Every structure is written in C-alpha cells, then in structure tokens.
N, C-alpha and C. Protein backbone atom coordinates (compact mmCIF):
# COMPACT_ATOMS: atom_id res chain seq x y z
N MET A 1 17.01 5.04 43.59
CA MET A 1 17.50 6.10 42.38
C MET A 1 16.12 6.49 41.65
N GLU A 2 15.99 7.81 41.58
CA GLU A 2 14.79 8.33 40.77
C GLU A 2 15.12 8.65 39.25
N PRO A 3 14.26 8.39 38.30
CA PRO A 3 14.46 8.65 37.16
C PRO A 3 14.40 10.20 36.77
N ARG A 4 15.27 10.61 35.96
CA ARG A 4 15.43 11.94 35.66
C ARG A 4 14.00 12.65 35.09
N HIS A 5 13.44 11.94 34.22
CA HIS A 5 12.35 12.56 33.55
C HIS A 5 11.21 11.68 33.74
N ALA A 6 10.65 11.79 34.78
CA ALA A 6 9.47 10.88 35.16
C ALA A 6 8.03 11.36 34.45
N PRO A 7 7.46 10.62 33.72
CA PRO A 7 6.33 11.15 32.99
C PRO A 7 5.16 11.65 34.06
N ASP A 8 4.78 12.88 33.89
CA ASP A 8 3.57 13.40 34.78
C ASP A 8 2.31 13.27 34.19
N ALA A 9 1.58 12.23 34.63
CA ALA A 9 0.37 11.72 34.22
C ALA A 9 -0.75 12.95 34.20
N ALA A 10 -0.57 13.81 35.36
CA ALA A 10 -1.54 14.80 35.54
C ALA A 10 -1.28 16.03 34.53
N GLY A 11 -0.23 16.28 34.07
CA GLY A 11 0.03 17.46 33.35
C GLY A 11 -0.48 17.27 31.91
N PRO A 12 -0.65 18.47 31.29
CA PRO A 12 -1.24 18.37 29.85
C PRO A 12 -0.10 18.01 29.02
N ALA A 13 -0.37 17.33 27.93
CA ALA A 13 0.51 16.92 26.87
C ALA A 13 1.13 18.22 26.23
N PRO A 14 2.44 18.17 25.83
CA PRO A 14 3.18 19.28 25.19
C PRO A 14 2.47 19.57 23.84
N THR A 15 2.36 20.77 23.46
CA THR A 15 1.70 21.21 22.17
C THR A 15 2.81 22.09 21.64
N ARG A 16 2.79 22.01 20.16
CA ARG A 16 3.63 22.89 19.36
C ARG A 16 2.85 24.30 19.22
N PRO A 17 3.83 25.32 19.18
CA PRO A 17 3.14 26.64 18.95
C PRO A 17 2.60 26.61 17.31
N PRO A 18 1.35 27.22 17.11
CA PRO A 18 0.85 27.41 15.81
C PRO A 18 1.83 28.00 14.71
N GLY A 19 2.00 27.40 13.47
CA GLY A 19 2.74 28.10 12.58
C GLY A 19 1.96 28.96 11.81
N ARG A 20 2.54 29.56 10.71
CA ARG A 20 2.10 30.47 9.82
C ARG A 20 0.83 30.13 9.07
N LEU A 21 0.92 28.70 8.63
CA LEU A 21 -0.31 28.29 7.94
C LEU A 21 -1.31 27.87 8.77
N ASP A 22 -1.07 27.35 10.12
CA ASP A 22 -2.22 27.37 11.25
C ASP A 22 -2.68 28.67 11.33
N ARG A 23 -2.12 29.56 11.45
CA ARG A 23 -2.85 30.88 11.82
C ARG A 23 -3.48 31.44 10.58
N PHE A 24 -3.05 31.26 9.36
CA PHE A 24 -3.81 31.57 8.13
C PHE A 24 -5.02 30.69 7.96
N VAL A 25 -5.05 29.54 8.31
CA VAL A 25 -6.30 28.60 8.10
C VAL A 25 -7.13 29.11 9.21
N SER A 26 -6.84 29.42 10.31
CA SER A 26 -7.80 29.79 11.15
C SER A 26 -8.50 31.06 11.10
N ARG A 27 -7.78 32.06 10.39
CA ARG A 27 -8.26 33.34 10.06
C ARG A 27 -9.42 33.27 8.91
N VAL A 28 -9.25 32.09 7.99
CA VAL A 28 -10.19 32.03 6.74
C VAL A 28 -11.47 31.46 7.11
N PRO A 29 -12.66 32.12 6.83
CA PRO A 29 -13.93 31.42 7.04
C PRO A 29 -13.94 30.10 6.62
N PRO A 30 -14.70 29.16 7.35
CA PRO A 30 -14.65 27.88 6.79
C PRO A 30 -15.40 27.69 5.55
N TRP A 31 -16.41 28.41 5.11
CA TRP A 31 -17.13 28.03 3.91
C TRP A 31 -16.24 28.32 2.53
N VAL A 32 -15.00 28.99 2.84
CA VAL A 32 -14.19 29.50 1.73
C VAL A 32 -13.54 27.99 1.00
N TRP A 33 -13.37 26.96 1.78
CA TRP A 33 -12.86 25.92 1.34
C TRP A 33 -13.57 25.25 0.51
N PRO A 34 -14.86 24.71 0.92
CA PRO A 34 -15.72 24.04 -0.06
C PRO A 34 -16.30 24.92 -1.12
N VAL A 35 -16.38 26.24 -1.11
CA VAL A 35 -16.76 27.11 -2.19
C VAL A 35 -15.52 27.27 -3.14
N GLY A 36 -14.38 27.33 -2.65
CA GLY A 36 -13.21 27.29 -3.62
C GLY A 36 -12.99 26.03 -4.27
N LEU A 37 -13.20 24.98 -3.77
CA LEU A 37 -13.18 23.61 -4.51
C LEU A 37 -14.29 23.52 -5.53
N GLY A 38 -15.44 23.89 -5.15
CA GLY A 38 -16.62 24.03 -6.10
C GLY A 38 -16.27 24.90 -7.27
N VAL A 39 -15.54 26.04 -7.25
CA VAL A 39 -15.25 26.83 -8.26
C VAL A 39 -14.23 26.29 -9.07
N LEU A 40 -13.10 25.45 -8.46
CA LEU A 40 -12.32 24.87 -9.24
C LEU A 40 -12.76 23.70 -10.05
N GLY A 41 -13.75 22.92 -9.41
CA GLY A 41 -14.52 21.75 -10.01
C GLY A 41 -15.20 22.43 -11.26
N LEU A 42 -15.93 23.43 -11.17
CA LEU A 42 -16.78 24.01 -12.26
C LEU A 42 -15.74 24.48 -13.47
N ALA A 43 -14.66 25.06 -13.02
CA ALA A 43 -13.73 25.57 -14.08
C ALA A 43 -13.04 24.43 -14.79
N GLY A 44 -12.73 23.34 -13.95
CA GLY A 44 -12.27 22.12 -14.62
C GLY A 44 -13.37 21.42 -15.58
N ALA A 45 -14.44 21.48 -15.15
CA ALA A 45 -15.79 20.85 -16.11
C ALA A 45 -15.72 21.72 -17.18
N VAL A 46 -15.67 23.10 -17.17
CA VAL A 46 -15.63 23.83 -18.34
C VAL A 46 -14.60 23.62 -19.32
N VAL A 47 -13.42 23.36 -18.76
CA VAL A 47 -12.22 23.09 -19.58
C VAL A 47 -12.65 21.90 -20.30
N LEU A 48 -12.88 20.75 -19.50
CA LEU A 48 -13.11 19.51 -20.13
C LEU A 48 -14.24 19.53 -21.32
N HIS A 49 -15.42 20.37 -21.11
CA HIS A 49 -16.38 20.52 -21.94
C HIS A 49 -15.88 21.04 -23.33
N LEU A 50 -14.98 22.24 -23.21
CA LEU A 50 -14.57 22.88 -24.37
C LEU A 50 -13.26 22.13 -25.15
N PHE A 51 -12.66 21.43 -24.39
CA PHE A 51 -11.49 20.71 -25.03
C PHE A 51 -11.58 19.45 -24.88
N ASP A 52 -11.83 18.66 -25.83
CA ASP A 52 -11.96 17.07 -25.78
C ASP A 52 -10.73 16.36 -25.61
N PRO A 53 -10.70 15.55 -24.42
CA PRO A 53 -9.39 14.77 -24.09
C PRO A 53 -9.16 13.59 -25.10
N SER A 54 -10.30 13.32 -26.05
CA SER A 54 -9.95 12.29 -26.87
C SER A 54 -9.25 12.49 -28.09
N GLN A 55 -8.97 13.96 -28.21
CA GLN A 55 -8.36 14.29 -29.50
C GLN A 55 -6.87 14.04 -29.23
N ASP A 56 -5.95 14.03 -30.33
CA ASP A 56 -4.63 13.75 -30.27
C ASP A 56 -3.86 14.82 -29.68
N ASP A 57 -3.93 16.06 -30.00
CA ASP A 57 -3.30 17.25 -29.65
C ASP A 57 -3.84 18.00 -28.50
N THR A 58 -4.18 17.32 -27.53
CA THR A 58 -4.88 17.90 -26.10
C THR A 58 -3.74 18.15 -25.09
N PRO A 59 -3.93 19.15 -24.22
CA PRO A 59 -2.87 19.42 -23.11
C PRO A 59 -3.00 18.38 -22.26
N TYR A 60 -4.06 17.48 -22.16
CA TYR A 60 -4.01 16.72 -20.80
C TYR A 60 -2.96 15.57 -21.00
N PRO A 61 -2.41 15.37 -19.77
CA PRO A 61 -1.34 14.33 -19.59
C PRO A 61 -1.70 13.13 -19.86
N THR A 62 -0.88 12.05 -20.24
CA THR A 62 -1.15 10.75 -20.37
C THR A 62 -0.91 10.14 -18.94
N CYS A 63 -1.76 8.84 -18.68
CA CYS A 63 -1.58 8.34 -17.43
C CYS A 63 -0.06 7.75 -17.30
N PRO A 64 0.59 8.08 -16.21
CA PRO A 64 1.98 7.49 -16.18
C PRO A 64 1.99 5.96 -16.03
N PHE A 65 1.14 5.69 -15.26
CA PHE A 65 0.99 4.09 -15.09
C PHE A 65 0.81 3.40 -16.50
N LEU A 66 -0.07 3.90 -17.21
CA LEU A 66 -0.25 3.35 -18.68
C LEU A 66 0.75 3.41 -19.39
N PHE A 67 1.60 4.71 -19.25
CA PHE A 67 2.62 4.86 -20.16
C PHE A 67 3.78 3.97 -19.86
N LEU A 68 4.14 3.85 -18.67
CA LEU A 68 5.23 2.92 -18.09
C LEU A 68 4.95 1.47 -18.32
N THR A 69 3.86 0.95 -18.10
CA THR A 69 3.50 -0.37 -18.02
C THR A 69 2.79 -0.91 -19.14
N GLY A 70 1.80 -0.04 -19.87
CA GLY A 70 0.94 -0.54 -20.78
C GLY A 70 -0.39 -1.25 -20.09
N LEU A 71 -0.45 -1.19 -19.00
CA LEU A 71 -1.65 -1.41 -18.19
C LEU A 71 -2.52 -0.22 -17.76
N GLN A 72 -3.81 -0.46 -17.75
CA GLN A 72 -4.58 0.57 -17.22
C GLN A 72 -4.89 0.64 -15.68
N CYS A 73 -4.71 1.83 -15.12
CA CYS A 73 -5.01 1.93 -13.84
C CYS A 73 -6.49 2.26 -13.46
N PRO A 74 -6.86 2.09 -12.15
CA PRO A 74 -8.41 2.35 -11.97
C PRO A 74 -8.71 3.68 -12.47
N GLY A 75 -7.94 4.54 -12.59
CA GLY A 75 -8.29 6.05 -13.09
C GLY A 75 -8.23 6.10 -14.60
N CYS A 76 -7.72 5.44 -15.22
CA CYS A 76 -7.70 5.57 -16.67
C CYS A 76 -9.05 5.58 -17.34
N GLY A 77 -9.12 6.69 -18.08
CA GLY A 77 -10.36 7.04 -18.76
C GLY A 77 -11.29 7.86 -17.95
N THR A 78 -10.84 8.18 -16.79
CA THR A 78 -11.54 9.32 -16.02
C THR A 78 -11.64 10.81 -16.54
N THR A 79 -10.67 11.16 -17.20
CA THR A 79 -10.85 12.55 -17.79
C THR A 79 -11.81 12.45 -18.88
N ARG A 80 -11.72 11.42 -19.76
CA ARG A 80 -12.75 11.33 -20.90
C ARG A 80 -14.04 11.08 -20.33
N ALA A 81 -14.11 10.31 -19.38
CA ALA A 81 -15.42 10.04 -18.75
C ALA A 81 -16.13 11.35 -18.19
N LEU A 82 -15.45 12.19 -17.51
CA LEU A 82 -15.96 13.47 -16.91
C LEU A 82 -16.17 14.36 -18.05
N ALA A 83 -15.56 14.29 -19.31
CA ALA A 83 -15.62 15.26 -20.56
C ALA A 83 -16.95 14.71 -21.02
N LEU A 84 -17.21 13.45 -21.13
CA LEU A 84 -18.46 13.03 -21.78
C LEU A 84 -19.51 13.10 -20.84
N LEU A 85 -19.41 13.23 -19.49
CA LEU A 85 -20.56 13.42 -18.67
C LEU A 85 -20.95 15.16 -18.71
N THR A 86 -20.05 15.98 -19.02
CA THR A 86 -20.24 17.39 -19.28
C THR A 86 -21.15 17.47 -20.64
N HIS A 87 -21.05 16.52 -21.39
CA HIS A 87 -21.87 16.63 -22.69
C HIS A 87 -23.15 15.84 -22.51
N GLY A 88 -23.37 15.26 -21.27
CA GLY A 88 -24.56 14.54 -20.91
C GLY A 88 -24.61 13.09 -21.54
N ASP A 89 -23.49 12.49 -21.98
CA ASP A 89 -23.32 10.98 -22.43
C ASP A 89 -22.94 10.24 -21.33
N LEU A 90 -23.97 9.68 -20.60
CA LEU A 90 -23.87 8.74 -19.54
C LEU A 90 -23.41 7.41 -19.87
N VAL A 91 -23.82 6.83 -20.97
CA VAL A 91 -23.26 5.61 -21.57
C VAL A 91 -21.93 5.48 -22.09
N ALA A 92 -21.58 6.57 -22.82
CA ALA A 92 -20.22 6.69 -23.23
C ALA A 92 -19.21 6.81 -22.05
N ALA A 93 -19.76 7.63 -20.98
CA ALA A 93 -18.82 7.99 -19.84
C ALA A 93 -18.52 6.61 -19.22
N ALA A 94 -19.68 5.71 -18.94
CA ALA A 94 -19.45 4.40 -18.31
C ALA A 94 -18.59 3.60 -19.12
N SER A 95 -18.64 3.87 -20.38
CA SER A 95 -17.48 3.04 -21.41
C SER A 95 -16.05 3.46 -21.13
N MET A 96 -15.94 4.71 -20.83
CA MET A 96 -14.54 5.07 -20.47
C MET A 96 -14.12 4.75 -19.19
N ASN A 97 -14.81 4.88 -18.11
CA ASN A 97 -14.50 4.47 -16.78
C ASN A 97 -15.77 4.20 -15.91
N PRO A 98 -16.16 2.90 -16.01
CA PRO A 98 -17.48 2.69 -15.22
C PRO A 98 -17.28 2.85 -13.44
N LEU A 99 -16.03 2.85 -12.88
CA LEU A 99 -15.85 3.17 -11.70
C LEU A 99 -16.16 4.53 -11.42
N THR A 100 -15.68 5.57 -12.23
CA THR A 100 -15.91 6.97 -12.12
C THR A 100 -17.52 7.12 -12.12
N VAL A 101 -18.19 6.65 -12.84
CA VAL A 101 -19.61 7.05 -13.12
C VAL A 101 -20.43 6.35 -11.82
N LEU A 102 -19.78 5.31 -11.21
CA LEU A 102 -20.47 4.87 -10.06
C LEU A 102 -20.06 5.58 -8.89
N VAL A 103 -18.90 5.93 -8.81
CA VAL A 103 -18.49 6.70 -7.46
C VAL A 103 -18.81 8.16 -7.59
N LEU A 104 -18.92 8.79 -8.64
CA LEU A 104 -19.12 10.12 -8.69
C LEU A 104 -20.46 10.88 -7.95
N PRO A 105 -21.60 10.03 -8.04
CA PRO A 105 -22.71 10.64 -7.21
C PRO A 105 -22.35 10.63 -5.82
N PHE A 106 -21.68 9.64 -5.20
CA PHE A 106 -21.39 9.66 -3.77
C PHE A 106 -20.45 10.74 -3.55
N LEU A 107 -19.51 11.03 -4.22
CA LEU A 107 -18.46 12.11 -4.02
C LEU A 107 -19.38 13.40 -4.14
N LEU A 108 -20.18 13.75 -5.06
CA LEU A 108 -21.01 14.83 -5.06
C LEU A 108 -21.88 15.19 -3.86
N LEU A 109 -22.43 13.82 -3.27
CA LEU A 109 -23.29 14.04 -2.20
C LEU A 109 -22.32 14.32 -1.04
N VAL A 110 -21.21 13.81 -0.84
CA VAL A 110 -20.40 14.02 0.31
C VAL A 110 -19.85 15.49 0.25
N TYR A 111 -19.60 16.18 -0.99
CA TYR A 111 -19.29 17.62 -1.14
C TYR A 111 -20.52 18.28 -0.73
N ALA A 112 -21.65 18.03 -1.23
CA ALA A 112 -22.70 18.88 -1.03
C ALA A 112 -23.11 18.88 0.55
N ARG A 113 -22.79 17.76 1.25
CA ARG A 113 -23.01 17.93 2.74
C ARG A 113 -22.09 18.73 3.37
N TRP A 114 -20.68 18.69 2.89
CA TRP A 114 -19.60 19.61 3.45
C TRP A 114 -19.97 21.03 3.06
N LEU A 115 -20.62 21.38 1.89
CA LEU A 115 -20.71 22.64 1.60
C LEU A 115 -21.99 23.27 2.55
N VAL A 116 -23.11 22.38 2.62
CA VAL A 116 -24.15 23.02 3.21
C VAL A 116 -23.79 23.00 4.89
N GLY A 117 -22.90 22.05 5.19
CA GLY A 117 -22.49 22.14 6.61
C GLY A 117 -21.78 23.34 7.09
N THR A 118 -20.88 23.69 6.16
CA THR A 118 -20.17 24.96 6.30
C THR A 118 -20.81 26.18 6.18
N LEU A 119 -21.88 26.14 5.52
CA LEU A 119 -22.60 27.40 5.25
C LEU A 119 -23.47 27.77 6.37
N ARG A 120 -23.88 26.67 7.05
CA ARG A 120 -24.82 26.95 8.27
C ARG A 120 -23.93 27.35 9.45
N ARG A 121 -24.49 28.17 10.38
CA ARG A 121 -23.64 28.58 11.41
C ARG A 121 -23.03 27.42 12.37
N ASN A 122 -24.01 26.56 12.67
CA ASN A 122 -23.68 25.53 13.81
C ASN A 122 -23.46 24.24 13.06
N GLY A 123 -22.71 24.20 11.91
CA GLY A 123 -22.71 23.15 10.98
C GLY A 123 -21.36 22.21 11.48
N PRO A 124 -21.13 21.16 10.64
CA PRO A 124 -19.93 20.31 11.22
C PRO A 124 -18.81 20.89 10.92
N PRO A 125 -17.53 20.40 11.32
CA PRO A 125 -16.42 21.11 11.34
C PRO A 125 -15.89 21.13 9.92
N LEU A 126 -14.77 22.08 9.65
CA LEU A 126 -14.32 22.27 8.35
C LEU A 126 -13.90 21.06 7.68
N ARG A 127 -13.33 19.78 8.33
CA ARG A 127 -13.24 18.62 7.59
C ARG A 127 -14.02 17.52 8.46
N PRO A 128 -15.18 17.28 7.74
CA PRO A 128 -16.18 16.41 8.28
C PRO A 128 -15.75 15.16 8.31
N GLU A 129 -15.62 14.46 9.50
CA GLU A 129 -15.28 13.03 9.60
C GLU A 129 -16.35 12.06 9.34
N PRO A 130 -16.40 11.23 8.30
CA PRO A 130 -17.61 10.39 8.06
C PRO A 130 -17.49 9.29 9.22
N HIS A 131 -18.61 8.78 9.33
CA HIS A 131 -18.73 7.56 10.29
C HIS A 131 -18.83 6.47 9.48
N VAL A 132 -17.65 6.03 8.93
CA VAL A 132 -17.65 4.91 7.94
C VAL A 132 -16.94 3.71 8.65
N PRO A 133 -17.49 2.63 8.77
CA PRO A 133 -16.91 1.51 9.52
C PRO A 133 -15.67 1.13 8.67
N THR A 134 -14.64 0.59 9.37
CA THR A 134 -13.51 0.09 8.88
C THR A 134 -13.62 -0.93 7.74
N TRP A 135 -14.52 -1.92 8.09
CA TRP A 135 -14.85 -2.93 7.06
C TRP A 135 -15.29 -2.41 5.71
N ALA A 136 -15.86 -1.18 5.64
CA ALA A 136 -16.47 -0.70 4.41
C ALA A 136 -15.37 0.06 3.56
N MET A 137 -14.55 0.64 4.50
CA MET A 137 -13.24 1.24 3.70
C MET A 137 -12.54 0.36 3.14
N ILE A 138 -12.17 -1.02 3.72
CA ILE A 138 -11.50 -2.02 3.27
C ILE A 138 -12.30 -2.70 2.05
N ALA A 139 -13.46 -2.70 2.09
CA ALA A 139 -14.27 -3.24 1.03
C ALA A 139 -14.13 -2.42 -0.15
N VAL A 140 -14.27 -1.01 -0.07
CA VAL A 140 -14.07 -0.14 -1.34
C VAL A 140 -12.75 -0.20 -1.81
N LEU A 141 -11.58 -0.39 -0.92
CA LEU A 141 -10.21 -0.46 -1.48
C LEU A 141 -10.28 -1.84 -2.25
N ALA A 142 -10.74 -2.83 -1.59
CA ALA A 142 -10.64 -4.05 -2.46
C ALA A 142 -11.37 -4.11 -3.70
N GLY A 143 -12.36 -3.47 -3.65
CA GLY A 143 -13.27 -3.34 -5.03
C GLY A 143 -12.41 -2.54 -6.13
N ILE A 144 -11.78 -1.34 -5.70
CA ILE A 144 -10.99 -0.62 -6.53
C ILE A 144 -9.85 -1.51 -7.09
N VAL A 145 -9.12 -2.19 -6.07
CA VAL A 145 -7.97 -3.16 -6.72
C VAL A 145 -8.56 -4.17 -7.47
N ALA A 146 -9.66 -4.73 -7.27
CA ALA A 146 -10.26 -5.85 -8.10
C ALA A 146 -10.80 -5.09 -9.48
N PHE A 147 -11.22 -4.12 -9.51
CA PHE A 147 -11.37 -3.32 -10.90
C PHE A 147 -10.15 -3.20 -11.62
N TRP A 148 -9.16 -2.79 -10.96
CA TRP A 148 -7.71 -2.49 -11.43
C TRP A 148 -7.21 -3.77 -12.16
N ILE A 149 -7.43 -5.02 -11.46
CA ILE A 149 -6.96 -6.01 -12.02
C ILE A 149 -7.86 -6.69 -13.17
N LEU A 150 -8.97 -6.63 -12.97
CA LEU A 150 -10.07 -7.20 -13.84
C LEU A 150 -10.04 -6.49 -15.23
N ARG A 151 -9.78 -5.04 -15.14
CA ARG A 151 -10.05 -4.34 -16.27
C ARG A 151 -8.68 -4.60 -17.29
N ASN A 152 -7.75 -5.20 -16.63
CA ASN A 152 -6.58 -5.65 -17.58
C ASN A 152 -6.60 -6.94 -18.06
N LEU A 153 -7.41 -7.80 -17.69
CA LEU A 153 -7.61 -9.13 -17.99
C LEU A 153 -8.51 -9.26 -19.34
N PRO A 154 -8.14 -10.12 -20.35
CA PRO A 154 -8.96 -10.11 -21.69
C PRO A 154 -10.30 -10.51 -21.49
N TRP A 155 -10.77 -11.29 -20.38
CA TRP A 155 -12.01 -11.69 -20.10
C TRP A 155 -12.99 -10.59 -19.56
N PHE A 156 -12.46 -9.64 -19.17
CA PHE A 156 -13.09 -8.46 -18.62
C PHE A 156 -12.99 -7.24 -19.43
N SER A 157 -12.59 -7.26 -20.80
CA SER A 157 -12.31 -6.14 -21.44
C SER A 157 -13.41 -5.11 -21.38
N VAL A 158 -14.49 -5.46 -21.21
CA VAL A 158 -15.67 -4.49 -21.06
C VAL A 158 -15.26 -3.28 -20.03
N LEU A 159 -14.37 -3.57 -18.92
CA LEU A 159 -14.01 -2.80 -18.01
C LEU A 159 -12.99 -1.76 -18.59
N ALA A 160 -12.31 -2.08 -19.63
CA ALA A 160 -11.29 -1.30 -20.21
C ALA A 160 -11.81 -0.15 -20.75
N ALA A 161 -11.09 1.10 -20.75
CA ALA A 161 -11.52 2.48 -21.20
C ALA A 161 -11.71 2.39 -22.65
N GLY A 162 -12.77 2.85 -23.20
CA GLY A 162 -13.10 3.00 -24.50
C GLY A 162 -13.98 1.74 -25.09
N THR A 163 -14.12 0.85 -24.36
CA THR A 163 -14.79 -0.35 -24.90
C THR A 163 -16.33 -0.08 -24.71
N PRO A 164 -17.11 -0.32 -25.87
CA PRO A 164 -18.61 -0.16 -25.51
C PRO A 164 -19.18 -0.96 -24.66
N PRO A 165 -20.02 -0.56 -23.67
CA PRO A 165 -20.60 -1.41 -22.59
C PRO A 165 -21.76 -2.13 -23.32
N LEU A 166 -22.23 -1.70 -24.32
CA LEU A 166 -23.48 -2.64 -24.89
C LEU A 166 -23.12 -2.99 -26.32
N PRO A 167 -23.15 -4.35 -26.67
CA PRO A 167 -22.80 -4.68 -28.02
C PRO A 167 -23.84 -4.06 -29.03
N SER A 168 -23.24 -3.63 -30.07
CA SER A 168 -23.94 -2.93 -31.10
C SER A 168 -24.48 -3.93 -32.22
C-alpha cells in the first residue's frame, strides 16, 4: 500500500506568495531603513536634549516594571542617561545607567557598519547578520540579568539609577 502524500525529496519546498508588505519592502531602496532610523534617533536626541526627563512634569513614561514592582529593570535610567549624554555629561549618564553607557558605543558601531554597508553598492544585505558565537550572546544575556539583579541589591546600590558613581 502506497502512502497518499509521499514527500518528494527532489522537488522544491513550497513557498508562499509575497504579500503587500513584502512587495513594498522590496521596492524601497535598502539605504532608506538605516537613514530613517538615524533620523528618528537624531530627533529623539533633540527631544531628550530640549526636555529634561529628570523633571517632574515630563511627557516621558515611567518604567512599568518599576511602577509595578518597585524594582529597577536593566533599562531604568536609560532615558535620563541618554539625555545627559546629549549634554556631554558622561559621568552623570553612567550614574543613571552604566549598562547603557557601556553598550551604546557598540550599538553605534553596529549602526555605522549597517549604514555604510547599505550605502555601498555591493554592501551587506539589508539586515546584516553578525557572526557572533552563541556563547557570546549567552554571556551578554547573563551579564544583563546579573546587572538587573545586582542593581536591586543594597550592596550594589552604585548600579542603581541616580547613585553617584564616585564618592564626593
């Protein structure tokens, strides 16, 4: 007795027809995505520079995790740190969120490589796939979780948002 639907190893895998979003993305030049993200990032930096998130009556939202639990997440203080970086105050930015200050140069490097790669004719694809080993991604995730836990312990209060990094 033969099976009704025997898999055909030689035939191509079935593909779905492209949808509207796929057709739209394929028509847009690849440089539009990194340039658009850069414009949004610069607009956000201008807003952070002009409207201080440390003030009481700001339009910036409160961290939902902090609001619900009273504990700081790894991102708590990032908005204030970025606002302080737009004013050139690196030490105060590190006191708000040291993780942001450490990770931001790497993110800017990845963004610059993406932008340059898409502006070149024979550059990398739209979504560059970094060749990062699995162990490195696990180590970064473990570091973020450790930062999350440690900044909420009283012995590591220097990691909490707003704590001066250097004693005065």
